[in-house]
Amino acid sequence: MASSSTSTAVGKPSPWLHFVAGGMGGMCGAIVTSPFDVVKTRLQSSLFRQKHTAVNVSMGGGGSVIMTAPRSFGLLYNFVETGYIIRDIYREESFKALFKGLGPTLVGVIPARSINFFVYGNGKRIIADNFNHGAENSYVHLSAAAVAGIATGSATNPIWVVKTRLQLEQNTRPDLRGLATDGAKGSRAFGGSWQCITKIMREEGVRGFYKGLSASYLGVTEGVIQWVVYERLKKLSSEAQSQGGALGQWAGMLGSAGSAKMIASLITYPHEVLRTRLRQPSVNGVVKYTGLWQTLRLVIAEEGARSLYGGLSAHLMRVVPNAAVMYSIYEGALRWGGSR
C-alpha cells in the first residue's frame, strides 16, 4: 500500500471528458508541428537518407556549396540541418508538401489521443480504486499508461501506415516529381489517402496495415515513461504553480509536459526508426525490412548504430511543443469540465 506522502487521491471527472480533451489536444498539436513530422519521417527512412546526407547552403550570386554535418557539433547541428531540409522541401515540392500526411495524421491523432487519454485517465482511477485504496502513485500511473499504449497502438496502427507511405511518396515516385504542386491532378497522380489504402490492400492484404505494430508495442515504453515522468513533475511543480497564480500553473504544466516528452523520446527513440523502416513500401517488389529484430540488425550492420537516431532533431522539435500544447489543452479541458 502506498503511503499518503507519496500518493494523491484520484479525481473523478466524467469518463468521456478524457476522450474529448485528449482528441482536442492531439488535433491542435499535430497541426502546429506537422512540418517537423514530415522531416522526421523522411530522415528515419532509408529511402531519403542518401538525399539528405548533405545540406545545400545557398550562396550569394546563385551558387551553392555542399556542407556535411560536422561530427563535433553532433545533435546540435542536426537542428540546423532540420531547418535546411524544411527549406528544401518548401522550395522543391511546395508549401503543401510540409503538411503531407496531415490528413491521415489528424484521422489518426484524434482517435489515438482520445483513446490514450480515455484509457489512461479512467484506467488509473480503476487501478487505484481496486488495487491501491483509491490513491495514485507511480505504479498506478505506469500500469495505466501501459494499458493505454497497447490499446492505442492496436487501434490506430493502420492509420499510421498510410500516413508514413504518403510522407515517403515523393521519393518513391521520382518520375512524377513536381506534380505534387499541380493542384488536384498532382494529388491524384501521387495518390491520396484512399488510393494508398486500396493499394496496400491490393498488394499486401490486411496484414500490410499492421506493419510496424511490433515496434509500436515496443514504443509503449515511451508512453509509460512520459506519463510517469509527467505526473511526477506535475506534482513536484504544484507548489510553485500555486504561488505563481494562473500563469505559474500553466508554465508549470507546459514545462512538465515538454520535459516528460523529451526524456521519454531520448530514451526510446530507436523504436521510431525501426517502425518507419517496417512501414516503408517495397522497392521493385522487394520488401527489405520484414521483422523487428531483422530490421534492427540490418540497420546497425549497414548504417551503424547512429542511424537509430536519424531524424531525432526534427522529432524533438515536433514532439516537445506538441506535448506542451496537447497536455495544456487536455488539463485545461479537465479543469473546465470538472476538477480532477
C-alpha atoms as a PDB file:
ATOM      1  CA  MET A   1       0.000   0.000   0.000  1.00  0.00           C
ATOM      2  CA  ALA A   2       1.375   3.394  -0.947  1.00  0.00           C
ATOM      3  CA  SER A   3       1.800   5.891   1.862  1.00  0.00           C
ATOM      4  CA  SER A   4      -0.180   9.105   1.852  1.00  0.00           C
ATOM      5  CA  SER A   5       3.035  11.104   1.436  1.00  0.00           C
ATOM      6  CA  THR A   6       3.736   9.565  -1.945  1.00  0.00           C
ATOM      7  CA  SER A   7       0.251   9.319  -3.397  1.00  0.00           C
ATOM      8  CA  THR A   8      -2.728  11.522  -4.063  1.00  0.00           C
ATOM      9  CA  ALA A   9      -6.414  10.906  -4.219  1.00  0.00           C
ATOM     10  CA  VAL A  10      -7.720  10.120  -7.682  1.00  0.00           C
ATOM     11  CA  GLY A  11     -10.156  12.673  -9.029  1.00  0.00           C
ATOM     12  CA  LYS A  12     -13.265  11.524 -10.887  1.00  0.00           C
ATOM     13  CA  PRO A  13     -14.208  13.775 -13.791  1.00  0.00           C
ATOM     14  CA  SER A  14     -16.638  12.488 -16.400  1.00  0.00           C
ATOM     15  CA  PRO A  15     -15.041   9.418 -18.059  1.00  0.00           C
ATOM     16  CA  TRP A  16     -15.746  10.812 -21.536  1.00  0.00           C
ATOM     17  CA  LEU A  17     -14.156  14.156 -20.710  1.00  0.00           C
ATOM     18  CA  HIS A  18     -10.743  12.466 -21.031  1.00  0.00           C
ATOM     19  CA  PHE A  19     -11.758  11.266 -24.508  1.00  0.00           C
ATOM     20  CA  VAL A  20     -12.838  14.693 -25.771  1.00  0.00           C
ATOM     21  CA  ALA A  21      -9.976  16.604 -24.131  1.00  0.00           C
ATOM     22  CA  GLY A  22      -7.349  14.212 -25.484  1.00  0.00           C
ATOM     23  CA  GLY A  23      -8.701  14.460 -29.022  1.00  0.00           C
ATOM     24  CA  MET A  24      -8.749  18.263 -28.932  1.00  0.00           C
ATOM     25  CA  GLY A  25      -5.190  18.443 -27.627  1.00  0.00           C
ATOM     26  CA  GLY A  26      -3.881  15.963 -30.149  1.00  0.00           C
ATOM     27  CA  MET A  27      -5.510  17.760 -33.076  1.00  0.00           C
ATOM     28  CA  CYS A  28      -4.069  21.180 -32.192  1.00  0.00           C
ATOM     29  CA  GLY A  29      -0.595  19.810 -31.537  1.00  0.00           C
ATOM     30  CA  ALA A  30      -0.499  17.842 -34.801  1.00  0.00           C
ATOM     31  CA  ILE A  31      -1.444  20.815 -36.970  1.00  0.00           C
ATOM     32  CA  VAL A  32       1.121  23.139 -35.402  1.00  0.00           C
ATOM     33  CA  THR A  33       4.027  20.701 -35.708  1.00  0.00           C
ATOM     34  CA  SER A  34       3.216  18.883 -38.980  1.00  0.00           C
ATOM     35  CA  PRO A  35       6.314  20.110 -40.961  1.00  0.00           C
ATOM     36  CA  PHE A  36       8.638  18.590 -38.381  1.00  0.00           C
ATOM     37  CA  ASP A  37       6.743  15.312 -38.619  1.00  0.00           C
ATOM     38  CA  VAL A  38       7.376  15.164 -42.380  1.00  0.00           C
ATOM     39  CA  VAL A  39      11.102  15.840 -41.896  1.00  0.00           C
ATOM     40  CA  LYS A  40      11.351  13.285 -39.105  1.00  0.00           C
ATOM     41  CA  THR A  41       9.697  10.543 -41.168  1.00  0.00           C
ATOM     42  CA  ARG A  42      11.964  11.182 -44.144  1.00  0.00           C
ATOM     43  CA  LEU A  43      15.136  11.191 -42.052  1.00  0.00           C
ATOM     44  CA  GLN A  44      14.102   7.924 -40.416  1.00  0.00           C
ATOM     45  CA  SER A  45      13.587   6.266 -43.794  1.00  0.00           C
ATOM     46  CA  SER A  46      16.393   4.688 -45.780  1.00  0.00           C
ATOM     47  CA  LEU A  47      14.678   5.944 -48.958  1.00  0.00           C
ATOM     48  CA  PHE A  48      15.588   9.533 -48.094  1.00  0.00           C
ATOM     49  CA  ARG A  49      18.863   9.139 -46.207  1.00  0.00           C
ATOM     50  CA  GLN A  50      21.037   9.490 -49.324  1.00  0.00           C
ATOM     51  CA  LYS A  51      19.163  12.614 -50.408  1.00  0.00           C
ATOM     52  CA  HIS A  52      19.729  14.325 -47.071  1.00  0.00           C
ATOM     53  CA  THR A  53      23.241  13.179 -46.170  1.00  0.00           C
ATOM     54  CA  ALA A  54      24.490  16.615 -47.229  1.00  0.00           C
ATOM     55  CA  VAL A  55      22.987  20.055 -46.815  1.00  0.00           C
ATOM     56  CA  ASN A  56      22.767  22.548 -49.682  1.00  0.00           C
ATOM     57  CA  VAL A  57      23.577  26.002 -48.430  1.00  0.00           C
ATOM     58  CA  SER A  58      22.649  28.777 -50.858  1.00  0.00           C
ATOM     59  CA  MET A  59      25.369  31.330 -51.551  1.00  0.00           C
ATOM     60  CA  GLY A  60      25.180  34.856 -52.937  1.00  0.00           C
ATOM     61  CA  GLY A  61      25.120  35.015 -56.732  1.00  0.00           C
ATOM     62  CA  GLY A  62      23.117  31.835 -57.134  1.00  0.00           C
ATOM     63  CA  GLY A  63      25.884  29.374 -56.290  1.00  0.00           C
ATOM     64  CA  SER A  64      25.783  26.701 -53.629  1.00  0.00           C
ATOM     65  CA  VAL A  65      28.140  24.677 -51.529  1.00  0.00           C
ATOM     66  CA  ILE A  66      27.616  21.242 -50.018  1.00  0.00           C
ATOM     67  CA  MET A  67      28.060  21.063 -46.272  1.00  0.00           C
ATOM     68  CA  THR A  68      28.171  17.820 -44.357  1.00  0.00           C
ATOM     69  CA  ALA A  69      27.235  17.746 -40.702  1.00  0.00           C
ATOM     70  CA  PRO A  70      30.327  18.279 -38.536  1.00  0.00           C
ATOM     71  CA  ARG A  71      30.638  15.416 -36.061  1.00  0.00           C
ATOM     72  CA  SER A  72      31.909  17.789 -33.377  1.00  0.00           C
ATOM     73  CA  PHE A  73      28.532  19.530 -33.262  1.00  0.00           C
ATOM     74  CA  GLY A  74      26.566  16.262 -33.093  1.00  0.00           C
ATOM     75  CA  LEU A  75      22.901  16.627 -32.249  1.00  0.00           C
ATOM     76  CA  LEU A  76      23.105  20.425 -32.105  1.00  0.00           C
ATOM     77  CA  TYR A  77      23.928  20.620 -35.807  1.00  0.00           C
ATOM     78  CA  ASN A  78      21.026  18.305 -36.589  1.00  0.00           C
ATOM     79  CA  PHE A  79      18.629  21.043 -35.518  1.00  0.00           C
ATOM     80  CA  VAL A  80      20.242  23.342 -38.106  1.00  0.00           C
ATOM     81  CA  GLU A  81      20.033  20.552 -40.673  1.00  0.00           C
ATOM     82  CA  THR A  82      16.317  20.178 -39.984  1.00  0.00           C
ATOM     83  CA  GLY A  83      15.816  23.810 -40.888  1.00  0.00           C
ATOM     84  CA  TYR A  84      17.639  23.326 -44.205  1.00  0.00           C
ATOM     85  CA  ILE A  85      15.531  20.263 -45.033  1.00  0.00           C
ATOM     86  CA  ILE A  86      12.304  22.141 -44.342  1.00  0.00           C
ATOM     87  CA  ARG A  87      13.585  24.894 -46.656  1.00  0.00           C
ATOM     88  CA  ASP A  88      14.422  22.364 -49.382  1.00  0.00           C
ATOM     89  CA  ILE A  89      11.015  20.674 -49.157  1.00  0.00           C
ATOM     90  CA  TYR A  90       9.349  24.075 -49.455  1.00  0.00           C
ATOM     91  CA  ARG A  91      11.467  25.048 -52.485  1.00  0.00           C
ATOM     92  CA  GLU A  92      11.412  21.738 -54.335  1.00  0.00           C
ATOM     93  CA  GLU A  93       7.969  20.372 -53.533  1.00  0.00           C
ATOM     94  CA  SER A  94       5.802  23.346 -52.438  1.00  0.00           C
ATOM     95  CA  PHE A  95       4.467  24.594 -49.117  1.00  0.00           C
ATOM     96  CA  LYS A  96       1.773  21.897 -49.144  1.00  0.00           C
ATOM     97  CA  ALA A  97       4.460  19.213 -49.020  1.00  0.00           C
ATOM     98  CA  LEU A  98       5.317  20.326 -45.470  1.00  0.00           C
ATOM     99  CA  PHE A  99       1.879  19.067 -44.482  1.00  0.00           C
ATOM    100  CA  LYS A 100       1.996  15.757 -46.349  1.00  0.00           C
ATOM    101  CA  GLY A 101       0.200  13.060 -44.440  1.00  0.00           C
ATOM    102  CA  LEU A 102      -1.600  15.608 -42.243  1.00  0.00           C
ATOM    103  CA  GLY A 103      -4.974  14.172 -43.237  1.00  0.00           C
ATOM    104  CA  PRO A 104      -4.136  10.655 -42.028  1.00  0.00           C
ATOM    105  CA  THR A 105      -2.278  12.216 -39.098  1.00  0.00           C
ATOM    106  CA  LEU A 106      -5.409  14.024 -37.937  1.00  0.00           C
ATOM    107  CA  VAL A 107      -7.539  10.976 -38.650  1.00  0.00           C
ATOM    108  CA  GLY A 108      -5.074   9.012 -36.529  1.00  0.00           C
ATOM    109  CA  VAL A 109      -4.150  11.573 -33.878  1.00  0.00           C
ATOM    110  CA  ILE A 110      -7.670  12.474 -32.827  1.00  0.00           C
ATOM    111  CA  PRO A 111      -8.810   8.893 -32.067  1.00  0.00           C
ATOM    112  CA  ALA A 112      -5.317   7.915 -30.879  1.00  0.00           C
ATOM    113  CA  ARG A 113      -5.099  10.709 -28.326  1.00  0.00           C
ATOM    114  CA  SER A 114      -8.751  10.285 -27.423  1.00  0.00           C
ATOM    115  CA  ILE A 115      -8.241   6.565 -26.795  1.00  0.00           C
ATOM    116  CA  ASN A 116      -4.937   7.089 -24.985  1.00  0.00           C
ATOM    117  CA  PHE A 117      -6.187   9.783 -22.638  1.00  0.00           C
ATOM    118  CA  PHE A 118      -9.508   7.999 -22.131  1.00  0.00           C
ATOM    119  CA  VAL A 119      -7.904   4.665 -21.231  1.00  0.00           C
ATOM    120  CA  TYR A 120      -5.179   6.285 -19.138  1.00  0.00           C
ATOM    121  CA  GLY A 121      -7.417   8.740 -17.294  1.00  0.00           C
ATOM    122  CA  ASN A 122     -10.033   6.145 -16.451  1.00  0.00           C
ATOM    123  CA  GLY A 123      -7.558   3.293 -16.144  1.00  0.00           C
ATOM    124  CA  LYS A 124      -5.579   4.923 -13.363  1.00  0.00           C
ATOM    125  CA  ARG A 125      -8.803   5.553 -11.450  1.00  0.00           C
ATOM    126  CA  ILE A 126      -9.929   1.930 -11.824  1.00  0.00           C
ATOM    127  CA  ILE A 127      -6.488   0.550 -10.938  1.00  0.00           C
ATOM    128  CA  ALA A 128      -6.169   2.876  -7.944  1.00  0.00           C
ATOM    129  CA  ASP A 129      -9.678   2.073  -6.666  1.00  0.00           C
ATOM    130  CA  ASN A 130      -9.194  -1.669  -6.951  1.00  0.00           C
ATOM    131  CA  PHE A 131      -5.530  -2.118  -6.085  1.00  0.00           C
ATOM    132  CA  ASN A 132      -4.326   0.945  -4.172  1.00  0.00           C
ATOM    133  CA  HIS A 133      -7.214   2.049  -1.958  1.00  0.00           C
ATOM    134  CA  GLY A 134      -8.199   4.898  -4.271  1.00  0.00           C
ATOM    135  CA  ALA A 135      -4.804   6.627  -4.240  1.00  0.00           C
ATOM    136  CA  GLU A 136      -2.410   7.347  -7.120  1.00  0.00           C
ATOM    137  CA  ASN A 137       1.280   6.556  -7.193  1.00  0.00           C
ATOM    138  CA  SER A 138       3.903   5.821  -9.846  1.00  0.00           C
ATOM    139  CA  TYR A 139       2.887   2.149 -10.100  1.00  0.00           C
ATOM    140  CA  VAL A 140      -0.699   3.129 -10.835  1.00  0.00           C
ATOM    141  CA  HIS A 141       0.477   5.605 -13.490  1.00  0.00           C
ATOM    142  CA  LEU A 142       2.807   3.016 -15.027  1.00  0.00           C
ATOM    143  CA  SER A 143       0.117   0.322 -15.267  1.00  0.00           C
ATOM    144  CA  ALA A 144      -2.487   2.676 -16.713  1.00  0.00           C
ATOM    145  CA  ALA A 145      -0.020   4.072 -19.267  1.00  0.00           C
ATOM    146  CA  ALA A 146       0.966   0.566 -20.433  1.00  0.00           C
ATOM    147  CA  VAL A 147      -2.642  -0.474 -20.987  1.00  0.00           C
ATOM    148  CA  ALA A 148      -3.389   2.814 -22.754  1.00  0.00           C
ATOM    149  CA  GLY A 149      -0.373   2.425 -25.050  1.00  0.00           C
ATOM    150  CA  ILE A 150      -1.272  -1.107 -26.116  1.00  0.00           C
ATOM    151  CA  ALA A 151      -4.898  -0.174 -26.762  1.00  0.00           C
ATOM    152  CA  THR A 152      -3.925   2.902 -28.768  1.00  0.00           C
ATOM    153  CA  GLY A 153      -1.295   1.134 -30.875  1.00  0.00           C
ATOM    154  CA  SER A 154      -3.603  -1.762 -31.745  1.00  0.00           C
ATOM    155  CA  ALA A 155      -6.478   0.504 -32.748  1.00  0.00           C
ATOM    156  CA  THR A 156      -4.601   3.070 -34.834  1.00  0.00           C
ATOM    157  CA  ASN A 157      -1.675   1.247 -36.495  1.00  0.00           C
ATOM    158  CA  PRO A 158      -3.354   1.098 -39.965  1.00  0.00           C
ATOM    159  CA  ILE A 159      -3.699   4.890 -39.978  1.00  0.00           C
ATOM    160  CA  TRP A 160      -0.001   5.413 -39.240  1.00  0.00           C
ATOM    161  CA  VAL A 161       0.981   3.002 -42.023  1.00  0.00           C
ATOM    162  CA  VAL A 162      -0.984   5.102 -44.531  1.00  0.00           C
ATOM    163  CA  LYS A 163       0.490   8.341 -43.151  1.00  0.00           C
ATOM    164  CA  THR A 164       4.048   7.030 -43.423  1.00  0.00           C
ATOM    165  CA  ARG A 165       3.527   5.847 -47.003  1.00  0.00           C
ATOM    166  CA  LEU A 166       2.152   9.252 -48.017  1.00  0.00           C
ATOM    167  CA  GLN A 167       5.060  11.114 -46.438  1.00  0.00           C
ATOM    168  CA  LEU A 168       7.565   8.909 -48.288  1.00  0.00           C
ATOM    169  CA  GLU A 169       5.693   9.150 -51.582  1.00  0.00           C
ATOM    170  CA  GLN A 170       7.769  11.890 -53.245  1.00  0.00           C
ATOM    171  CA  ASN A 171      10.920   9.795 -53.252  1.00  0.00           C
ATOM    172  CA  THR A 172       9.263   6.522 -54.252  1.00  0.00           C
ATOM    173  CA  ARG A 173       7.818   8.113 -57.398  1.00  0.00           C
ATOM    174  CA  PRO A 174      10.677  10.190 -58.845  1.00  0.00           C
ATOM    175  CA  ASP A 175       9.132  10.024 -62.312  1.00  0.00           C
ATOM    176  CA  LEU A 176       6.258  12.165 -61.019  1.00  0.00           C
ATOM    177  CA  ARG A 177       8.476  14.739 -59.309  1.00  0.00           C
ATOM    178  CA  GLY A 178       6.919  18.182 -59.490  1.00  0.00           C
ATOM    179  CA  LEU A 179       3.320  17.028 -59.963  1.00  0.00           C
ATOM    180  CA  ALA A 180       2.596  17.498 -56.272  1.00  0.00           C
ATOM    181  CA  THR A 181       2.201  21.226 -56.895  1.00  0.00           C
ATOM    182  CA  ASP A 182      -0.144  20.725 -59.850  1.00  0.00           C
ATOM    183  CA  GLY A 183      -3.377  21.085 -57.931  1.00  0.00           C
ATOM    184  CA  ALA A 184      -5.820  18.212 -57.735  1.00  0.00           C
ATOM    185  CA  LYS A 185      -4.214  16.487 -60.706  1.00  0.00           C
ATOM    186  CA  GLY A 186      -0.938  16.180 -58.828  1.00  0.00           C
ATOM    187  CA  SER A 187      -2.712  14.883 -55.755  1.00  0.00           C
ATOM    188  CA  ARG A 188      -4.398  12.139 -57.754  1.00  0.00           C
ATOM    189  CA  ALA A 189      -1.170  11.302 -59.604  1.00  0.00           C
ATOM    190  CA  PHE A 190       0.595  10.641 -56.326  1.00  0.00           C
ATOM    191  CA  GLY A 191      -2.461   9.045 -54.780  1.00  0.00           C
ATOM    192  CA  GLY A 192      -4.309  10.367 -51.754  1.00  0.00           C
ATOM    193  CA  SER A 193      -5.218   8.504 -48.613  1.00  0.00           C
ATOM    194  CA  TRP A 194      -7.914   6.377 -50.249  1.00  0.00           C
ATOM    195  CA  GLN A 195      -5.670   5.406 -53.177  1.00  0.00           C
ATOM    196  CA  CYS A 196      -2.955   4.492 -50.694  1.00  0.00           C
ATOM    197  CA  ILE A 197      -5.374   2.348 -48.705  1.00  0.00           C
ATOM    198  CA  THR A 198      -6.594   0.459 -51.767  1.00  0.00           C
ATOM    199  CA  LYS A 199      -3.028  -0.090 -52.973  1.00  0.00           C
ATOM    200  CA  ILE A 200      -1.935  -1.543 -49.633  1.00  0.00           C
ATOM    201  CA  MET A 201      -4.996  -3.791 -49.539  1.00  0.00           C
ATOM    202  CA  ARG A 202      -4.446  -4.957 -53.105  1.00  0.00           C
ATOM    203  CA  GLU A 203      -0.715  -5.602 -52.861  1.00  0.00           C
ATOM    204  CA  GLU A 204      -0.200  -6.570 -49.215  1.00  0.00           C
ATOM    205  CA  GLY A 205      -3.581  -7.519 -47.823  1.00  0.00           C
ATOM    206  CA  VAL A 206      -4.884  -6.730 -44.357  1.00  0.00           C
ATOM    207  CA  ARG A 207      -1.504  -7.594 -42.813  1.00  0.00           C
ATOM    208  CA  GLY A 208       0.010  -4.637 -44.642  1.00  0.00           C
ATOM    209  CA  PHE A 209      -1.903  -2.264 -42.384  1.00  0.00           C
ATOM    210  CA  TYR A 210      -0.246  -3.744 -39.320  1.00  0.00           C
ATOM    211  CA  LYS A 211       3.356  -3.365 -40.396  1.00  0.00           C
ATOM    212  CA  GLY A 212       5.397  -1.863 -37.613  1.00  0.00           C
ATOM    213  CA  LEU A 213       2.937  -2.991 -34.929  1.00  0.00           C
ATOM    214  CA  SER A 214       5.673  -4.848 -33.042  1.00  0.00           C
ATOM    215  CA  ALA A 215       7.715  -1.643 -32.949  1.00  0.00           C
ATOM    216  CA  SER A 216       4.608   0.235 -31.814  1.00  0.00           C
ATOM    217  CA  TYR A 217       4.255  -2.149 -28.890  1.00  0.00           C
ATOM    218  CA  LEU A 218       7.926  -1.606 -28.130  1.00  0.00           C
ATOM    219  CA  GLY A 219       7.132   2.097 -28.204  1.00  0.00           C
ATOM    220  CA  VAL A 220       4.600   1.645 -25.400  1.00  0.00           C
ATOM    221  CA  THR A 221       7.595   2.155 -23.122  1.00  0.00           C
ATOM    222  CA  GLU A 222       7.795   5.758 -24.349  1.00  0.00           C
ATOM    223  CA  GLY A 223       4.224   6.455 -23.341  1.00  0.00           C
ATOM    224  CA  VAL A 224       4.762   4.790 -19.980  1.00  0.00           C
ATOM    225  CA  ILE A 225       7.877   6.855 -19.239  1.00  0.00           C
ATOM    226  CA  GLN A 226       6.184  10.027 -20.448  1.00  0.00           C
ATOM    227  CA  TRP A 227       3.088   9.620 -18.273  1.00  0.00           C
ATOM    228  CA  VAL A 228       5.023   8.611 -15.156  1.00  0.00           C
ATOM    229  CA  VAL A 229       7.534  11.468 -15.504  1.00  0.00           C
ATOM    230  CA  TYR A 230       4.769  13.952 -16.334  1.00  0.00           C
ATOM    231  CA  GLU A 231       2.723  13.031 -13.273  1.00  0.00           C
ATOM    232  CA  ARG A 232       5.827  13.240 -11.075  1.00  0.00           C
ATOM    233  CA  LEU A 233       6.951  16.605 -12.477  1.00  0.00           C
ATOM    234  CA  LYS A 234       3.430  17.980 -12.240  1.00  0.00           C
ATOM    235  CA  LYS A 235       3.279  17.005  -8.586  1.00  0.00           C
ATOM    236  CA  LEU A 236       6.721  18.474  -7.853  1.00  0.00           C
ATOM    237  CA  SER A 237       5.799  21.749  -9.545  1.00  0.00           C
ATOM    238  CA  SER A 238       2.388  22.058  -7.871  1.00  0.00           C
ATOM    239  CA  GLU A 239       3.728  24.249  -5.062  1.00  0.00           C
ATOM    240  CA  ALA A 240       5.389  26.673  -7.460  1.00  0.00           C
ATOM    241  CA  GLN A 241       2.240  26.691  -9.592  1.00  0.00           C
ATOM    242  CA  SER A 242       0.086  27.714  -6.616  1.00  0.00           C
ATOM    243  CA  GLN A 243       2.458  30.543  -5.724  1.00  0.00           C
ATOM    244  CA  GLY A 244       2.594  31.888  -9.266  1.00  0.00           C
ATOM    245  CA  GLY A 245      -1.145  32.031  -9.824  1.00  0.00           C
ATOM    246  CA  ALA A 246      -2.730  31.121 -13.166  1.00  0.00           C
ATOM    247  CA  LEU A 247       0.400  32.000 -15.147  1.00  0.00           C
ATOM    248  CA  GLY A 248       2.544  29.856 -12.852  1.00  0.00           C
ATOM    249  CA  GLN A 249       0.132  26.957 -13.210  1.00  0.00           C
ATOM    250  CA  TRP A 250       0.260  26.993 -16.994  1.00  0.00           C
ATOM    251  CA  ALA A 251       4.037  27.463 -17.040  1.00  0.00           C
ATOM    252  CA  GLY A 252       4.489  24.503 -14.726  1.00  0.00           C
ATOM    253  CA  MET A 253       2.123  22.389 -16.800  1.00  0.00           C
ATOM    254  CA  LEU A 254       3.852  23.269 -20.078  1.00  0.00           C
ATOM    255  CA  GLY A 255       7.277  22.621 -18.580  1.00  0.00           C
ATOM    256  CA  SER A 256       6.229  19.293 -17.099  1.00  0.00           C
ATOM    257  CA  ALA A 257       4.667  18.094 -20.362  1.00  0.00           C
ATOM    258  CA  GLY A 258       7.592  19.185 -22.557  1.00  0.00           C
ATOM    259  CA  SER A 259      10.253  17.817 -20.207  1.00  0.00           C
ATOM    260  CA  ALA A 260       8.475  14.477 -19.829  1.00  0.00           C
ATOM    261  CA  LYS A 261       8.200  14.053 -23.589  1.00  0.00           C
ATOM    262  CA  MET A 262      11.846  14.959 -24.164  1.00  0.00           C
ATOM    263  CA  ILE A 263      13.066  12.471 -21.559  1.00  0.00           C
ATOM    264  CA  ALA A 264      10.851   9.685 -22.893  1.00  0.00           C
ATOM    265  CA  SER A 265      11.837  10.373 -26.505  1.00  0.00           C
ATOM    266  CA  LEU A 266      15.581  10.393 -25.842  1.00  0.00           C
ATOM    267  CA  ILE A 267      15.353   7.051 -24.043  1.00  0.00           C
ATOM    268  CA  THR A 268      13.128   5.218 -26.529  1.00  0.00           C
ATOM    269  CA  TYR A 269      13.700   6.928 -29.894  1.00  0.00           C
ATOM    270  CA  PRO A 270      15.219   3.971 -31.842  1.00  0.00           C
ATOM    271  CA  HIS A 271      11.830   2.253 -31.947  1.00  0.00           C
ATOM    272  CA  GLU A 272      10.571   5.168 -34.075  1.00  0.00           C
ATOM    273  CA  VAL A 273      13.197   4.482 -36.735  1.00  0.00           C
ATOM    274  CA  LEU A 274      12.507   0.740 -36.705  1.00  0.00           C
ATOM    275  CA  ARG A 275       8.778   1.365 -37.035  1.00  0.00           C
ATOM    276  CA  THR A 276       9.253   3.698 -40.006  1.00  0.00           C
ATOM    277  CA  ARG A 277      11.523   1.186 -41.761  1.00  0.00           C
ATOM    278  CA  LEU A 278       8.978  -1.585 -41.259  1.00  0.00           C
ATOM    279  CA  ARG A 279       6.260   0.596 -42.792  1.00  0.00           C
ATOM    280  CA  GLN A 280       8.261   1.517 -45.900  1.00  0.00           C
ATOM    281  CA  PRO A 281       6.796   0.393 -49.226  1.00  0.00           C
ATOM    282  CA  SER A 282       8.525  -2.308 -51.240  1.00  0.00           C
ATOM    283  CA  VAL A 283      11.123  -1.215 -53.805  1.00  0.00           C
ATOM    284  CA  ASN A 284      10.884  -3.064 -57.135  1.00  0.00           C
ATOM    285  CA  GLY A 285       8.724  -5.630 -55.401  1.00  0.00           C
ATOM    286  CA  VAL A 286      11.327  -6.322 -52.701  1.00  0.00           C
ATOM    287  CA  VAL A 287      10.478  -5.816 -49.026  1.00  0.00           C
ATOM    288  CA  LYS A 288      13.748  -5.030 -47.290  1.00  0.00           C
ATOM    289  CA  TYR A 289      12.589  -4.922 -43.673  1.00  0.00           C
ATOM    290  CA  THR A 290      10.492  -7.884 -42.568  1.00  0.00           C
ATOM    291  CA  GLY A 291      10.616  -8.020 -38.778  1.00  0.00           C
ATOM    292  CA  LEU A 292      11.596  -6.029 -35.716  1.00  0.00           C
ATOM    293  CA  TRP A 293      14.853  -7.815 -34.861  1.00  0.00           C
ATOM    294  CA  GLN A 294      15.775  -8.340 -38.522  1.00  0.00           C
ATOM    295  CA  THR A 295      15.353  -4.599 -39.081  1.00  0.00           C
ATOM    296  CA  LEU A 296      17.429  -3.722 -36.017  1.00  0.00           C
ATOM    297  CA  ARG A 297      20.310  -5.984 -37.064  1.00  0.00           C
ATOM    298  CA  LEU A 298      20.201  -4.823 -40.684  1.00  0.00           C
ATOM    299  CA  VAL A 299      20.151  -1.097 -39.866  1.00  0.00           C
ATOM    300  CA  ILE A 300      23.107  -1.433 -37.481  1.00  0.00           C
ATOM    301  CA  ALA A 301      25.060  -3.618 -39.918  1.00  0.00           C
ATOM    302  CA  GLU A 302      24.520  -1.367 -42.953  1.00  0.00           C
ATOM    303  CA  GLU A 303      24.376   2.114 -41.436  1.00  0.00           C
ATOM    304  CA  GLY A 304      25.707   1.897 -37.906  1.00  0.00           C
ATOM    305  CA  ALA A 305      24.030   2.471 -34.554  1.00  0.00           C
ATOM    306  CA  ARG A 306      23.889   6.250 -35.166  1.00  0.00           C
ATOM    307  CA  SER A 307      21.202   5.622 -37.770  1.00  0.00           C
ATOM    308  CA  LEU A 308      18.850   4.536 -34.989  1.00  0.00           C
ATOM    309  CA  TYR A 309      18.693   8.225 -34.084  1.00  0.00           C
ATOM    310  CA  GLY A 310      18.038   9.513 -37.611  1.00  0.00           C
ATOM    311  CA  GLY A 311      15.547  12.372 -37.536  1.00  0.00           C
ATOM    312  CA  LEU A 312      15.856  12.836 -33.764  1.00  0.00           C
ATOM    313  CA  SER A 313      16.275  16.601 -34.009  1.00  0.00           C
ATOM    314  CA  ALA A 314      13.128  17.013 -36.119  1.00  0.00           C
ATOM    315  CA  HIS A 315      11.344  14.616 -33.786  1.00  0.00           C
ATOM    316  CA  LEU A 316      12.221  16.637 -30.688  1.00  0.00           C
ATOM    317  CA  MET A 317      11.337  19.911 -32.411  1.00  0.00           C
ATOM    318  CA  ARG A 318       7.922  18.422 -33.117  1.00  0.00           C
ATOM    319  CA  VAL A 319       7.019  16.351 -30.071  1.00  0.00           C
ATOM    320  CA  VAL A 320       8.159  18.684 -27.292  1.00  0.00           C
ATOM    321  CA  PRO A 321       5.943  21.644 -28.301  1.00  0.00           C
ATOM    322  CA  ASN A 322       3.305  19.140 -29.407  1.00  0.00           C
ATOM    323  CA  ALA A 323       3.220  17.636 -25.924  1.00  0.00           C
ATOM    324  CA  ALA A 324       3.113  21.067 -24.310  1.00  0.00           C
ATOM    325  CA  VAL A 325       0.138  22.112 -26.445  1.00  0.00           C
ATOM    326  CA  MET A 326      -1.646  18.790 -26.120  1.00  0.00           C
ATOM    327  CA  TYR A 327      -1.316  18.407 -22.365  1.00  0.00           C
ATOM    328  CA  SER A 328      -2.189  22.025 -21.652  1.00  0.00           C
ATOM    329  CA  ILE A 329      -5.407  21.713 -23.652  1.00  0.00           C
ATOM    330  CA  TYR A 330      -6.138  18.355 -22.016  1.00  0.00           C
ATOM    331  CA  GLU A 331      -5.591  19.665 -18.498  1.00  0.00           C
ATOM    332  CA  GLY A 332      -7.485  22.861 -19.284  1.00  0.00           C
ATOM    333  CA  ALA A 333     -10.483  20.890 -20.539  1.00  0.00           C
ATOM    334  CA  LEU A 334     -10.435  18.700 -17.430  1.00  0.00           C
ATOM    335  CA  ARG A 335     -10.351  21.714 -15.159  1.00  0.00           C
ATOM    336  CA  TRP A 336     -13.086  23.440 -17.126  1.00  0.00           C
ATOM    337  CA  GLY A 337     -15.297  20.345 -17.127  1.00  0.00           C
ATOM    338  CA  GLY A 338     -14.595  19.425 -13.518  1.00  0.00           C
ATOM    339  CA  SER A 339     -11.522  19.244 -11.330  1.00  0.00           C
ATOM    340  CA  ARG A 340      -9.533  16.021 -11.396  1.00  0.00           C
END
